[in-house]
Amino acid sequence: MFKTYRSQGSVGFALNMSWQIFHATVRSIRQKHRSPIMCLLSEMLQSIMFVAGFLLFFQVLGLRGAAIRGDFVIYIMSGIFLFMTHNKAVTAVASAEGPASAMMQHAPINTAISISSAALGSLYLQTLSMFVILFIYYVVFSPFVIDDPIGAFLMFLLAWFTGCAVGLLMFAIKPWAPTFTTVLRTLYQRANMIASGKMFVANTLPGFMLAMFDWNPLFHAIDQARGFAFINYNPHNSSIIYPINVGIALIALGLIGEYYTRKKASSSWSAKN
């Protein structure tokens, strides 16, 4: 009934928060499957199916010549991995446990930990899946060279960051309109099948078509990633700054919305959701 609390310094608070986020991240990963290996295999299988599907698609339509000169499978993977990471981050953050969930009744847990753990859990699975698939492809099928692996990986993180930003905005809206948010998230992810630009090279687009895609931060991240991955491709129709600015703006709006929602939260919302 009576508890004493010791004040923590900034370092102690950061360490305590990190420890809580770590455990919450492990919990968010294990929620998908009791076995971590099966969870990883499931993520890998989704990526492999996407890669195989697009390889078949390009082969049937005879569009391989329109791709970047270099390893065609790496060209496909550079789009698929960022697309999967972005969409998974949107789903994970938007579906994180909100202020009215039962977990929020436990004192150390708050929405910041819930959102952070969902985002980091998604990043962990997608990163591990990407590296395992690339390792298998390099060893079993064809050795390849990434021109600037650090730059390409930073674009991978940028796709994840913008996905978290979009998911955070939907997370703030969800308690007020859960059905609308679910439909909006589905429409956004379906639109990204085309609007992400993973099926074509941005430099080949005419101006009137470029306007249909350059609103999408994922489009810029994928095109810039290919510029880092291939030595003979220099992206002219995309930018690194644009997705960063969009991500920061969406996170700011999402945090404002989440703060307002948390202040108005009611335990009856969990019954509606």
Protein backbone atom coordinates (compact mmCIF):
# COMPACT_ATOMS: atom_id res chain seq x y z
CA MET A 1 0.00 0.00 0.00
CA PHE A 2 2.78 2.40 0.95
CA LYS A 3 5.76 2.64 -1.39
CA THR A 4 8.85 4.74 -1.44
CA TYR A 5 10.36 5.99 -4.64
CA ARG A 6 13.94 6.94 -5.18
CA SER A 7 14.64 9.79 -7.53
CA GLN A 8 16.71 8.79 -10.54
CA GLY A 9 19.21 10.83 -12.45
CA SER A 10 19.06 11.14 -16.23
CA VAL A 11 21.50 8.24 -16.72
CA GLY A 12 19.59 5.97 -14.36
CA PHE A 13 16.30 6.89 -15.99
CA ALA A 14 17.71 6.17 -19.47
CA LEU A 15 19.08 2.79 -18.38
CA ASN A 16 15.82 1.85 -16.69
CA MET A 17 13.80 2.87 -19.74
CA SER A 18 16.16 0.94 -22.04
CA TRP A 19 15.80 -2.18 -19.90
CA GLN A 20 12.01 -1.94 -20.02
CA ILE A 21 12.04 -1.38 -23.78
CA PHE A 22 14.30 -4.43 -24.20
CA HIS A 23 11.90 -6.72 -22.34
CA ALA A 24 8.88 -5.24 -24.10
CA THR A 25 10.63 -5.78 -27.46
CA VAL A 26 11.29 -9.44 -26.64
CA ARG A 27 7.63 -9.80 -25.66
CA SER A 28 6.44 -8.16 -28.90
CA ILE A 29 8.58 -10.55 -30.97
CA ARG A 30 7.48 -13.65 -29.08
CA GLN A 31 3.83 -12.65 -29.46
CA LYS A 32 4.04 -13.55 -33.15
CA HIS A 33 5.34 -17.07 -32.49
CA ARG A 34 6.53 -18.95 -29.44
CA SER A 35 9.66 -20.05 -31.27
CA PRO A 36 12.05 -17.24 -32.33
CA ILE A 37 13.38 -19.44 -35.14
CA MET A 38 9.90 -19.97 -36.58
CA CYS A 39 9.23 -16.25 -36.31
CA LEU A 40 12.40 -15.48 -38.29
CA LEU A 41 11.61 -18.18 -40.88
CA SER A 42 8.14 -16.71 -41.34
CA GLU A 43 9.59 -13.25 -42.04
CA MET A 44 12.17 -14.73 -44.41
CA LEU A 45 9.53 -16.72 -46.27
CA GLN A 46 7.47 -13.59 -46.91
CA SER A 47 10.48 -11.77 -48.35
CA ILE A 48 11.54 -14.76 -50.44
CA MET A 49 8.04 -15.13 -51.88
CA PHE A 50 8.01 -11.44 -52.85
CA VAL A 51 11.42 -11.73 -54.52
CA ALA A 52 10.44 -14.90 -56.39
CA GLY A 53 7.14 -13.36 -57.47
CA PHE A 54 8.78 -10.24 -58.89
CA LEU A 55 11.50 -12.27 -60.60
CA LEU A 56 8.79 -14.28 -62.34
CA PHE A 57 6.86 -11.10 -63.13
CA PHE A 58 9.87 -9.44 -64.78
CA GLN A 59 10.81 -12.64 -66.59
CA VAL A 60 7.34 -13.15 -68.08
CA LEU A 61 6.99 -9.52 -69.18
CA GLY A 62 10.56 -9.36 -70.45
CA LEU A 63 11.41 -6.25 -68.43
CA ARG A 64 14.81 -7.32 -67.13
CA GLY A 65 16.53 -5.05 -69.63
CA ALA A 66 14.89 -2.00 -68.04
CA ALA A 67 16.60 -2.63 -64.70
CA ILE A 68 19.93 -1.31 -63.49
CA ARG A 69 23.04 -2.91 -64.99
CA GLY A 70 24.27 -5.32 -62.34
CA ASP A 71 22.91 -8.24 -60.34
CA PHE A 72 19.21 -8.36 -61.15
CA VAL A 73 18.29 -10.22 -57.95
CA ILE A 74 19.99 -7.55 -55.83
CA TYR A 75 18.01 -4.96 -57.80
CA ILE A 76 14.80 -6.75 -56.82
CA MET A 77 15.89 -7.28 -53.22
CA SER A 78 16.83 -3.62 -52.79
CA GLY A 79 13.19 -2.75 -53.34
CA ILE A 80 11.58 -5.68 -51.56
CA PHE A 81 13.57 -5.38 -48.33
CA LEU A 82 12.85 -1.67 -47.90
CA PHE A 83 9.21 -2.16 -48.87
CA MET A 84 8.76 -4.98 -46.34
CA THR A 85 10.58 -3.05 -43.60
CA HIS A 86 8.47 0.06 -44.15
CA ASN A 87 5.14 -1.78 -44.20
CA LYS A 88 6.03 -3.97 -41.22
CA ALA A 89 7.00 -0.88 -39.23
CA VAL A 90 3.69 0.80 -40.09
CA THR A 91 1.74 -2.27 -38.95
CA ALA A 92 3.80 -2.83 -35.79
CA VAL A 93 3.62 0.76 -34.53
CA ALA A 94 -0.01 1.32 -35.52
CA SER A 95 -0.98 -1.94 -33.74
CA ALA A 96 1.03 -1.25 -30.57
CA GLU A 97 -0.82 -1.40 -27.27
CA GLY A 98 -2.51 1.91 -26.60
CA PRO A 99 -3.34 3.86 -23.44
CA ALA A 100 -6.52 1.87 -22.80
CA SER A 101 -4.96 -1.61 -23.09
CA ALA A 102 -4.61 -3.93 -20.12
CA MET A 103 -0.80 -3.73 -20.21
CA MET A 104 -0.94 -0.03 -19.38
CA GLN A 105 -2.25 -0.97 -15.92
CA HIS A 106 1.26 -2.14 -15.00
CA ALA A 107 3.17 0.76 -13.51
CA PRO A 108 6.48 0.66 -15.47
CA ILE A 109 4.74 0.29 -18.83
CA ASN A 110 3.62 3.29 -20.83
CA THR A 111 2.77 4.03 -24.45
CA ALA A 112 6.33 5.21 -25.21
CA ILE A 113 7.67 1.78 -24.23
CA SER A 114 4.89 0.03 -26.16
CA ILE A 115 5.56 2.02 -29.34
CA SER A 116 9.36 1.73 -29.07
CA SER A 117 9.28 -2.02 -28.48
CA ALA A 118 6.93 -2.61 -31.42
CA ALA A 119 9.16 -0.55 -33.72
CA LEU A 120 12.41 -2.18 -32.55
CA GLY A 121 10.91 -5.66 -32.72
CA SER A 122 9.91 -5.06 -36.33
CA LEU A 123 13.38 -3.70 -37.18
CA TYR A 124 15.12 -6.63 -35.52
CA LEU A 125 13.16 -9.24 -37.47
CA GLN A 126 13.48 -7.49 -40.81
CA THR A 127 17.21 -6.80 -40.37
CA LEU A 128 17.98 -10.36 -39.37
CA SER A 129 15.83 -11.71 -42.19
CA MET A 130 17.57 -9.47 -44.74
CA PHE A 131 21.09 -10.48 -43.67
CA VAL A 132 20.25 -14.20 -43.63
CA ILE A 133 18.70 -14.05 -47.12
CA LEU A 134 21.65 -12.07 -48.51
CA PHE A 135 24.10 -14.50 -46.93
CA ILE A 136 22.30 -17.51 -48.44
CA TYR A 137 22.16 -15.84 -51.86
CA TYR A 138 25.87 -14.94 -51.71
CA VAL A 139 27.02 -18.41 -50.62
CA VAL A 140 24.63 -20.63 -52.56
CA PHE A 141 23.74 -18.74 -55.74
CA SER A 142 25.97 -15.84 -56.74
CA PRO A 143 28.62 -13.73 -55.00
CA PHE A 144 27.77 -10.04 -55.26
CA VAL A 145 29.28 -6.67 -54.38
CA ILE A 146 27.41 -3.77 -52.76
CA ASP A 147 29.12 -0.54 -53.80
CA ASP A 148 28.37 1.32 -50.54
CA PRO A 149 26.89 -1.13 -47.98
CA ILE A 150 26.77 1.46 -45.17
CA GLY A 151 24.82 3.92 -47.29
CA ALA A 152 22.46 1.19 -48.49
CA PHE A 153 21.84 0.06 -44.91
CA LEU A 154 21.16 3.65 -43.82
CA MET A 155 18.46 3.84 -46.51
CA PHE A 156 17.06 0.61 -45.08
CA LEU A 157 16.89 2.34 -41.69
CA LEU A 158 15.33 5.40 -43.33
CA ALA A 159 12.55 3.23 -44.78
CA TRP A 160 11.97 1.81 -41.28
CA PHE A 161 12.01 5.31 -39.74
CA THR A 162 9.39 6.66 -42.14
CA GLY A 163 7.28 3.53 -41.59
CA CYS A 164 7.40 4.16 -37.83
CA ALA A 165 6.39 7.79 -38.43
CA VAL A 166 3.35 6.79 -40.51
CA GLY A 167 2.45 4.10 -37.98
CA LEU A 168 2.70 6.56 -35.07
CA LEU A 169 0.24 8.92 -36.73
CA MET A 170 -2.19 6.03 -37.25
CA PHE A 171 -1.59 4.90 -33.66
CA ALA A 172 -2.75 8.31 -32.42
CA ILE A 173 -5.87 8.19 -34.60
CA LYS A 174 -6.79 4.56 -33.88
CA PRO A 175 -8.60 4.99 -30.50
CA TRP A 176 -10.90 7.58 -32.04
CA ALA A 177 -11.66 5.71 -35.27
CA PRO A 178 -10.38 2.12 -35.16
CA THR A 179 -12.20 0.91 -38.29
CA PHE A 180 -11.17 3.94 -40.34
CA THR A 181 -7.55 3.52 -39.23
CA THR A 182 -7.50 -0.14 -40.24
CA VAL A 183 -8.91 0.68 -43.68
CA LEU A 184 -6.50 3.60 -44.09
CA ARG A 185 -3.52 1.43 -43.17
CA THR A 186 -4.59 -1.27 -45.62
CA LEU A 187 -5.06 1.27 -48.43
CA TYR A 188 -1.67 2.84 -47.73
CA GLN A 189 0.11 -0.51 -47.77
CA ARG A 190 -1.67 -1.63 -50.95
CA ALA A 191 -0.83 1.68 -52.64
CA ASN A 192 2.83 1.15 -51.75
CA MET A 193 2.85 -1.98 -53.92
CA ILE A 194 3.04 0.46 -56.85
CA ALA A 195 3.86 3.87 -55.34
CA SER A 196 7.02 2.64 -53.59
CA GLY A 197 8.80 2.40 -56.94
CA LYS A 198 10.35 -0.97 -56.20
CA MET A 199 9.44 -2.29 -59.67
CA PHE A 200 11.16 0.38 -61.73
CA VAL A 201 14.07 2.82 -61.79
CA ALA A 202 13.18 6.41 -60.90
CA ASN A 203 15.65 7.87 -63.42
CA THR A 204 13.67 6.33 -66.29
CA LEU A 205 10.38 7.96 -65.31
CA PRO A 206 9.08 10.90 -67.37
CA GLY A 207 8.14 14.06 -65.50
CA PHE A 208 4.39 13.50 -65.58
CA MET A 209 4.79 10.04 -64.03
CA LEU A 210 7.37 11.16 -61.48
CA ALA A 211 4.77 13.44 -59.90
CA MET A 212 2.67 10.34 -59.15
CA PHE A 213 5.41 8.80 -56.98
CA ASP A 214 7.67 11.46 -55.48
CA TRP A 215 5.18 12.24 -52.67
CA ASN A 216 6.05 8.87 -51.14
CA PRO A 217 9.07 8.87 -48.78
CA LEU A 218 9.56 5.13 -49.43
CA PHE A 219 9.99 5.87 -53.14
CA HIS A 220 12.93 8.16 -52.33
CA ALA A 221 14.47 5.69 -49.86
CA ILE A 222 14.37 2.80 -52.36
CA ASP A 223 15.80 4.86 -55.22
CA GLN A 224 18.61 6.23 -53.04
CA ALA A 225 19.36 2.71 -51.74
CA ARG A 226 19.87 1.54 -55.31
CA GLY A 227 22.23 4.44 -55.85
CA PHE A 228 24.35 3.19 -52.94
CA ALA A 229 24.05 -0.48 -53.94
CA PHE A 230 25.04 -0.11 -57.63
CA ILE A 231 28.17 1.68 -58.77
CA ASN A 232 26.67 2.59 -62.17
CA TYR A 233 23.42 4.15 -60.91
CA ASN A 234 23.22 7.76 -59.76
CA PRO A 235 19.68 8.72 -58.62
CA HIS A 236 18.61 12.14 -59.93
CA ASN A 237 14.88 12.07 -59.26
CA SER A 238 14.91 11.32 -55.53
CA SER A 239 16.28 12.83 -52.34
CA ILE A 240 17.49 11.68 -48.93
CA ILE A 241 16.37 14.88 -47.21
CA TYR A 242 12.72 14.57 -48.25
CA PRO A 243 11.91 11.30 -46.40
CA ILE A 244 13.81 12.56 -43.35
CA ASN A 245 11.74 15.74 -43.26
CA VAL A 246 8.49 13.85 -43.85
CA GLY A 247 9.36 11.36 -41.11
CA ILE A 248 10.16 14.11 -38.59
CA ALA A 249 6.95 15.97 -39.43
CA LEU A 250 4.80 12.84 -39.10
CA ILE A 251 6.45 11.88 -35.80
CA ALA A 252 5.79 15.39 -34.44
CA LEU A 253 2.11 15.15 -35.45
CA GLY A 254 1.89 11.60 -34.10
CA LEU A 255 3.38 12.57 -30.73
CA ILE A 256 0.99 15.49 -30.40
CA GLY A 257 -1.95 13.25 -31.27
CA GLU A 258 -0.77 10.47 -28.96
CA TYR A 259 -0.36 12.92 -26.05
CA TYR A 260 -3.88 14.28 -26.56
CA THR A 261 -5.32 10.78 -26.94
CA ARG A 262 -3.56 9.53 -23.82
CA LYS A 263 -5.02 12.39 -21.78
CA LYS A 264 -8.52 11.55 -23.01
CA ALA A 265 -8.12 7.77 -22.78
CA SER A 266 -10.95 5.76 -21.27
CA SER A 267 -10.92 2.13 -20.19
CA SER A 268 -14.09 1.58 -22.24
CA TRP A 269 -12.10 2.15 -25.45
CA SER A 270 -10.45 -1.23 -25.16
CA ALA A 271 -13.88 -2.87 -25.35
CA LYS A 272 -14.61 -1.00 -28.59
CA ASN A 273 -11.29 -1.87 -30.14
